[in-house]
Amino acid sequence: MKSLNEKEAVWMALSDFFIDNEINHEYIAKRVAHLTIPEIKHILFYEVAPICMSNLLVPTPTVWEGFDEDCIIPEIQQHLQEMQSNWLYNHKVLLKIKFYKVFLNKDWSKLMVKVSQEQAKQTDDL
């Protein structure tokens, strides 16, 4: 297993949103609290959800413990390249993101609370 850079670590933390198991909002918040809420929201919906969301949309999800970083990271990187270079792909993804935001609204709200709490805790520690 390779060492992850900061962006990849955030992708892996947010991929936990899409496992077929209870979401540990507090654990995810601790791993992403160094970012602003708008940054987290963008990464979740525009970078991670387009790749990981399908796990929650199938009758029997295959990922329930965690995504394999050796598979997910290259897929997200490829997705981001496609977003920049392929107008039709980009348009389709932007339409899907509207659905993701509705589908994940409850868990996104919970994560925002936990991130805010974690950021306040980190500020108090300074």
N, C-alpha and C. Protein backbone atom coordinates (compact mmCIF):
# COMPACT_ATOMS: atom_id res chain seq x y z
N MET A 1 0.85 -1.18 0.00
CA MET A 1 0.00 0.00 0.00
C MET A 1 0.89 1.24 0.00
N LYS A 2 0.61 2.14 -0.93
CA LYS A 2 1.43 3.35 -1.04
C LYS A 2 0.97 4.41 -0.05
N SER A 3 1.83 5.37 0.16
CA SER A 3 1.49 6.50 1.03
C SER A 3 0.62 7.47 0.23
N LEU A 4 -0.48 7.89 0.82
CA LEU A 4 -1.41 8.78 0.11
C LEU A 4 -1.02 10.23 0.29
N ASN A 5 -1.20 11.03 -0.77
CA ASN A 5 -1.02 12.46 -0.60
C ASN A 5 -2.29 13.01 0.07
N GLU A 6 -2.27 14.29 0.40
CA GLU A 6 -3.39 14.87 1.16
C GLU A 6 -4.73 14.75 0.42
N LYS A 7 -4.72 15.03 -0.87
CA LYS A 7 -5.97 14.96 -1.65
C LYS A 7 -6.50 13.54 -1.70
N GLU A 8 -5.64 12.58 -1.92
CA GLU A 8 -6.05 11.18 -1.98
C GLU A 8 -6.60 10.72 -0.63
N ALA A 9 -6.01 11.18 0.45
CA ALA A 9 -6.50 10.82 1.78
C ALA A 9 -7.91 11.37 2.00
N VAL A 10 -8.17 12.55 1.50
CA VAL A 10 -9.52 13.13 1.60
C VAL A 10 -10.49 12.32 0.75
N TRP A 11 -10.09 11.94 -0.44
CA TRP A 11 -10.95 11.09 -1.28
C TRP A 11 -11.31 9.80 -0.55
N MET A 12 -10.32 9.19 0.05
CA MET A 12 -10.58 7.92 0.75
C MET A 12 -11.48 8.13 1.96
N ALA A 13 -11.28 9.22 2.68
CA ALA A 13 -12.15 9.51 3.82
C ALA A 13 -13.59 9.70 3.36
N LEU A 14 -13.79 10.47 2.31
CA LEU A 14 -15.14 10.75 1.83
C LEU A 14 -15.76 9.55 1.12
N SER A 15 -14.95 8.63 0.65
CA SER A 15 -15.51 7.42 0.02
C SER A 15 -16.30 6.60 1.04
N ASP A 16 -16.01 6.80 2.33
CA ASP A 16 -16.75 6.08 3.37
C ASP A 16 -18.23 6.45 3.38
N PHE A 17 -18.60 7.54 2.74
CA PHE A 17 -20.00 7.92 2.59
C PHE A 17 -20.77 6.88 1.78
N PHE A 18 -20.08 6.12 0.97
CA PHE A 18 -20.72 5.27 -0.03
C PHE A 18 -20.59 3.78 0.25
N ILE A 19 -20.16 3.43 1.44
CA ILE A 19 -20.11 2.01 1.80
C ILE A 19 -21.49 1.57 2.30
N ASP A 20 -21.75 0.30 2.16
CA ASP A 20 -23.03 -0.25 2.60
C ASP A 20 -22.92 -0.63 4.08
N ASN A 21 -22.81 0.39 4.90
CA ASN A 21 -22.66 0.22 6.33
C ASN A 21 -23.01 1.56 6.95
N GLU A 22 -23.10 1.61 8.25
CA GLU A 22 -23.40 2.88 8.91
C GLU A 22 -22.23 3.84 8.72
N ILE A 23 -22.56 5.08 8.38
CA ILE A 23 -21.53 6.10 8.15
C ILE A 23 -21.04 6.64 9.49
N ASN A 24 -19.74 6.67 9.65
CA ASN A 24 -19.15 7.22 10.86
C ASN A 24 -18.78 8.68 10.56
N HIS A 25 -19.74 9.57 10.75
CA HIS A 25 -19.56 10.99 10.43
C HIS A 25 -18.41 11.62 11.21
N GLU A 26 -18.28 11.23 12.46
CA GLU A 26 -17.23 11.80 13.31
C GLU A 26 -15.84 11.41 12.79
N TYR A 27 -15.69 10.16 12.41
CA TYR A 27 -14.41 9.69 11.88
C TYR A 27 -14.04 10.41 10.59
N ILE A 28 -15.01 10.55 9.69
CA ILE A 28 -14.77 11.26 8.44
C ILE A 28 -14.43 12.72 8.73
N ALA A 29 -15.17 13.34 9.63
CA ALA A 29 -14.95 14.75 9.96
C ALA A 29 -13.53 14.98 10.45
N LYS A 30 -13.02 14.09 11.27
CA LYS A 30 -11.65 14.24 11.79
C LYS A 30 -10.63 14.19 10.66
N ARG A 31 -10.93 13.44 9.62
CA ARG A 31 -9.99 13.26 8.51
C ARG A 31 -10.05 14.39 7.48
N VAL A 32 -11.14 15.18 7.51
CA VAL A 32 -11.28 16.25 6.50
C VAL A 32 -11.43 17.65 7.10
N ALA A 33 -11.39 17.76 8.41
CA ALA A 33 -11.66 19.05 9.08
C ALA A 33 -10.63 20.13 8.78
N HIS A 34 -9.49 19.76 8.22
CA HIS A 34 -8.49 20.76 7.85
C HIS A 34 -8.92 21.56 6.62
N LEU A 35 -9.97 21.11 5.94
CA LEU A 35 -10.51 21.81 4.78
C LEU A 35 -11.73 22.63 5.18
N THR A 36 -12.09 23.60 4.35
CA THR A 36 -13.32 24.36 4.60
C THR A 36 -14.51 23.51 4.19
N ILE A 37 -15.66 23.84 4.71
CA ILE A 37 -16.88 23.10 4.34
C ILE A 37 -17.15 23.19 2.84
N PRO A 38 -17.02 24.37 2.20
CA PRO A 38 -17.21 24.39 0.74
C PRO A 38 -16.23 23.49 -0.01
N GLU A 39 -14.99 23.40 0.46
CA GLU A 39 -14.02 22.51 -0.18
C GLU A 39 -14.43 21.05 -0.02
N ILE A 40 -14.87 20.69 1.16
CA ILE A 40 -15.30 19.31 1.42
C ILE A 40 -16.51 18.99 0.54
N LYS A 41 -17.44 19.91 0.48
CA LYS A 41 -18.65 19.69 -0.33
C LYS A 41 -18.30 19.48 -1.80
N HIS A 42 -17.40 20.30 -2.31
CA HIS A 42 -17.00 20.17 -3.71
C HIS A 42 -16.34 18.81 -3.96
N ILE A 43 -15.41 18.45 -3.09
CA ILE A 43 -14.71 17.17 -3.26
C ILE A 43 -15.68 15.99 -3.16
N LEU A 44 -16.59 16.05 -2.20
CA LEU A 44 -17.56 14.96 -2.03
C LEU A 44 -18.43 14.80 -3.27
N PHE A 45 -19.06 15.88 -3.70
CA PHE A 45 -20.05 15.77 -4.77
C PHE A 45 -19.47 15.75 -6.17
N TYR A 46 -18.38 16.45 -6.41
CA TYR A 46 -17.84 16.57 -7.77
C TYR A 46 -16.71 15.59 -8.07
N GLU A 47 -16.05 15.09 -7.02
CA GLU A 47 -14.92 14.21 -7.26
C GLU A 47 -15.17 12.78 -6.81
N VAL A 48 -15.71 12.60 -5.61
CA VAL A 48 -15.87 11.25 -5.06
C VAL A 48 -17.21 10.62 -5.44
N ALA A 49 -18.29 11.34 -5.27
CA ALA A 49 -19.62 10.76 -5.54
C ALA A 49 -19.77 10.20 -6.96
N PRO A 50 -19.28 10.89 -7.99
CA PRO A 50 -19.46 10.32 -9.33
C PRO A 50 -18.82 8.94 -9.51
N ILE A 51 -17.84 8.62 -8.70
CA ILE A 51 -17.18 7.32 -8.79
C ILE A 51 -17.77 6.31 -7.82
N CYS A 52 -18.10 6.73 -6.61
CA CYS A 52 -18.50 5.78 -5.55
C CYS A 52 -20.00 5.60 -5.38
N MET A 53 -20.80 6.52 -5.90
CA MET A 53 -22.24 6.49 -5.66
C MET A 53 -22.91 5.20 -6.15
N SER A 54 -22.41 4.64 -7.20
CA SER A 54 -23.05 3.44 -7.76
C SER A 54 -23.12 2.31 -6.73
N ASN A 55 -22.21 2.30 -5.76
CA ASN A 55 -22.25 1.26 -4.73
C ASN A 55 -23.55 1.30 -3.94
N LEU A 56 -24.12 2.49 -3.77
CA LEU A 56 -25.36 2.62 -3.00
C LEU A 56 -26.61 2.44 -3.85
N LEU A 57 -26.45 2.40 -5.15
CA LEU A 57 -27.60 2.36 -6.05
C LEU A 57 -27.90 0.97 -6.60
N VAL A 58 -27.15 -0.02 -6.17
CA VAL A 58 -27.39 -1.38 -6.64
C VAL A 58 -28.11 -2.16 -5.54
N PRO A 59 -28.89 -3.18 -5.91
CA PRO A 59 -29.63 -3.95 -4.90
C PRO A 59 -28.73 -4.58 -3.84
N THR A 60 -27.58 -5.07 -4.24
CA THR A 60 -26.65 -5.69 -3.30
C THR A 60 -25.29 -5.02 -3.46
N PRO A 61 -25.02 -3.98 -2.66
CA PRO A 61 -23.73 -3.28 -2.77
C PRO A 61 -22.56 -4.22 -2.50
N THR A 62 -21.49 -4.03 -3.25
CA THR A 62 -20.33 -4.89 -3.11
C THR A 62 -19.32 -4.36 -2.10
N VAL A 63 -19.37 -3.06 -1.84
CA VAL A 63 -18.41 -2.46 -0.90
C VAL A 63 -19.13 -2.11 0.38
N TRP A 64 -18.76 -2.76 1.46
CA TRP A 64 -19.40 -2.46 2.74
C TRP A 64 -18.39 -2.18 3.85
N GLU A 65 -17.12 -2.47 3.64
CA GLU A 65 -16.10 -2.17 4.64
C GLU A 65 -15.29 -0.93 4.27
N GLY A 66 -15.06 -0.73 3.01
CA GLY A 66 -14.26 0.40 2.55
C GLY A 66 -13.77 0.15 1.14
N PHE A 67 -13.58 1.21 0.41
CA PHE A 67 -13.12 1.10 -0.97
C PHE A 67 -11.62 0.84 -1.01
N ASP A 68 -11.19 0.13 -2.02
CA ASP A 68 -9.78 -0.16 -2.24
C ASP A 68 -9.13 1.07 -2.88
N GLU A 69 -8.17 1.66 -2.17
CA GLU A 69 -7.54 2.88 -2.67
C GLU A 69 -6.83 2.66 -4.00
N ASP A 70 -6.33 1.46 -4.25
CA ASP A 70 -5.64 1.18 -5.51
C ASP A 70 -6.60 1.19 -6.70
N CYS A 71 -7.88 1.04 -6.44
CA CYS A 71 -8.90 1.10 -7.50
C CYS A 71 -9.53 2.49 -7.57
N ILE A 72 -9.92 3.02 -6.43
CA ILE A 72 -10.69 4.27 -6.39
C ILE A 72 -9.87 5.48 -6.81
N ILE A 73 -8.66 5.59 -6.34
CA ILE A 73 -7.84 6.77 -6.65
C ILE A 73 -7.62 6.93 -8.16
N PRO A 74 -7.21 5.88 -8.88
CA PRO A 74 -7.07 6.05 -10.33
C PRO A 74 -8.41 6.37 -11.03
N GLU A 75 -9.50 5.80 -10.51
CA GLU A 75 -10.81 6.09 -11.10
C GLU A 75 -11.19 7.57 -10.90
N ILE A 76 -10.93 8.11 -9.74
CA ILE A 76 -11.22 9.52 -9.49
C ILE A 76 -10.32 10.40 -10.35
N GLN A 77 -9.06 10.05 -10.46
CA GLN A 77 -8.14 10.81 -11.31
C GLN A 77 -8.61 10.81 -12.76
N GLN A 78 -9.03 9.64 -13.26
CA GLN A 78 -9.54 9.54 -14.63
C GLN A 78 -10.81 10.37 -14.78
N HIS A 79 -11.69 10.30 -13.80
CA HIS A 79 -12.94 11.08 -13.81
C HIS A 79 -12.63 12.58 -13.93
N LEU A 80 -11.67 13.05 -13.15
CA LEU A 80 -11.33 14.49 -13.17
C LEU A 80 -10.75 14.89 -14.53
N GLN A 81 -9.97 14.01 -15.13
CA GLN A 81 -9.44 14.29 -16.48
C GLN A 81 -10.57 14.36 -17.49
N GLU A 82 -11.51 13.43 -17.38
CA GLU A 82 -12.67 13.43 -18.29
C GLU A 82 -13.51 14.69 -18.11
N MET A 83 -13.67 15.12 -16.87
CA MET A 83 -14.45 16.34 -16.59
C MET A 83 -13.84 17.54 -17.31
N GLN A 84 -12.53 17.59 -17.38
CA GLN A 84 -11.85 18.72 -18.02
C GLN A 84 -11.83 18.62 -19.53
N SER A 85 -11.82 17.42 -20.05
CA SER A 85 -11.60 17.28 -21.49
C SER A 85 -12.81 16.86 -22.31
N ASN A 86 -13.85 16.39 -21.67
CA ASN A 86 -14.99 15.85 -22.41
C ASN A 86 -16.26 16.60 -22.01
N TRP A 87 -16.74 17.45 -22.88
CA TRP A 87 -17.91 18.28 -22.59
C TRP A 87 -19.14 17.43 -22.27
N LEU A 88 -19.39 16.39 -23.03
CA LEU A 88 -20.58 15.57 -22.81
C LEU A 88 -20.50 14.84 -21.47
N TYR A 89 -19.36 14.27 -21.17
CA TYR A 89 -19.16 13.61 -19.87
C TYR A 89 -19.40 14.61 -18.75
N ASN A 90 -18.82 15.78 -18.86
CA ASN A 90 -18.96 16.83 -17.85
C ASN A 90 -20.43 17.18 -17.65
N HIS A 91 -21.15 17.34 -18.72
CA HIS A 91 -22.58 17.69 -18.64
C HIS A 91 -23.39 16.60 -17.94
N LYS A 92 -23.12 15.35 -18.26
CA LYS A 92 -23.82 14.23 -17.63
C LYS A 92 -23.54 14.20 -16.13
N VAL A 93 -22.28 14.38 -15.77
CA VAL A 93 -21.90 14.34 -14.36
C VAL A 93 -22.58 15.48 -13.60
N LEU A 94 -22.61 16.67 -14.18
CA LEU A 94 -23.24 17.80 -13.50
C LEU A 94 -24.72 17.55 -13.24
N LEU A 95 -25.38 16.87 -14.13
CA LEU A 95 -26.79 16.50 -13.92
C LEU A 95 -26.91 15.47 -12.78
N LYS A 96 -26.01 14.51 -12.76
CA LYS A 96 -26.04 13.49 -11.71
C LYS A 96 -25.75 14.08 -10.34
N ILE A 97 -24.91 15.10 -10.29
CA ILE A 97 -24.55 15.72 -9.01
C ILE A 97 -25.78 16.30 -8.33
N LYS A 98 -26.73 16.79 -9.09
CA LYS A 98 -27.97 17.30 -8.49
C LYS A 98 -28.68 16.18 -7.73
N PHE A 99 -28.71 15.00 -8.32
CA PHE A 99 -29.30 13.84 -7.66
C PHE A 99 -28.51 13.47 -6.41
N TYR A 100 -27.18 13.44 -6.52
CA TYR A 100 -26.34 13.08 -5.38
C TYR A 100 -26.62 13.99 -4.19
N LYS A 101 -26.77 15.28 -4.47
CA LYS A 101 -26.98 16.25 -3.38
C LYS A 101 -28.30 15.98 -2.66
N VAL A 102 -29.32 15.59 -3.39
CA VAL A 102 -30.61 15.25 -2.77
C VAL A 102 -30.49 13.94 -2.00
N PHE A 103 -29.93 12.94 -2.65
CA PHE A 103 -29.81 11.60 -2.06
C PHE A 103 -28.98 11.62 -0.77
N LEU A 104 -27.94 12.42 -0.74
CA LEU A 104 -27.00 12.43 0.39
C LEU A 104 -27.25 13.58 1.37
N ASN A 105 -28.31 14.33 1.18
CA ASN A 105 -28.54 15.54 1.98
C ASN A 105 -28.50 15.28 3.48
N LYS A 106 -29.17 14.25 3.95
CA LYS A 106 -29.23 13.96 5.39
C LYS A 106 -27.83 13.68 5.95
N ASP A 107 -27.08 12.83 5.27
CA ASP A 107 -25.74 12.50 5.75
C ASP A 107 -24.78 13.67 5.57
N TRP A 108 -24.94 14.45 4.52
CA TRP A 108 -24.12 15.64 4.33
C TRP A 108 -24.36 16.62 5.49
N SER A 109 -25.60 16.80 5.89
CA SER A 109 -25.92 17.70 7.00
C SER A 109 -25.27 17.22 8.30
N LYS A 110 -25.31 15.93 8.53
CA LYS A 110 -24.66 15.37 9.73
C LYS A 110 -23.15 15.60 9.69
N LEU A 111 -22.56 15.41 8.52
CA LEU A 111 -21.13 15.61 8.41
C LEU A 111 -20.75 17.07 8.64
N MET A 112 -21.54 18.00 8.12
CA MET A 112 -21.25 19.42 8.32
C MET A 112 -21.21 19.76 9.80
N VAL A 113 -22.14 19.21 10.57
CA VAL A 113 -22.17 19.45 12.02
C VAL A 113 -20.90 18.91 12.65
N LYS A 114 -20.53 17.69 12.30
CA LYS A 114 -19.33 17.07 12.89
C LYS A 114 -18.05 17.81 12.47
N VAL A 115 -17.98 18.25 11.23
CA VAL A 115 -16.82 19.00 10.77
C VAL A 115 -16.72 20.32 11.53
N SER A 116 -17.85 21.01 11.67
CA SER A 116 -17.86 22.28 12.41
C SER A 116 -17.40 22.07 13.85
N GLN A 117 -17.87 21.00 14.48
CA GLN A 117 -17.45 20.69 15.84
C GLN A 117 -15.95 20.40 15.91
N GLU A 118 -15.47 19.63 14.96
CA GLU A 118 -14.05 19.28 14.92
C GLU A 118 -13.19 20.52 14.67
N GLN A 119 -13.63 21.40 13.79
CA GLN A 119 -12.87 22.62 13.52
C GLN A 119 -12.87 23.53 14.75
N ALA A 120 -13.97 23.61 15.44
CA ALA A 120 -14.03 24.41 16.68
C ALA A 120 -13.09 23.83 17.72
N LYS A 121 -13.05 22.51 17.83
CA LYS A 121 -12.16 21.84 18.77
C LYS A 121 -10.70 22.14 18.43
N GLN A 122 -10.37 22.10 17.13
CA GLN A 122 -9.01 22.38 16.70
C GLN A 122 -8.63 23.83 16.97
N THR A 123 -9.57 24.74 16.80
CA THR A 123 -9.34 26.16 17.07
C THR A 123 -9.10 26.38 18.56
N ASP A 124 -9.88 25.71 19.38
CA ASP A 124 -9.73 25.83 20.84
C ASP A 124 -8.36 25.30 21.30
N ASP A 125 -7.85 24.30 20.60
CA ASP A 125 -6.55 23.72 20.97
C ASP A 125 -5.39 24.64 20.64
N LEU A 126 -5.62 25.62 19.77
CA LEU A 126 -4.53 26.55 19.42
C LEU A 126 -4.36 27.54 20.49
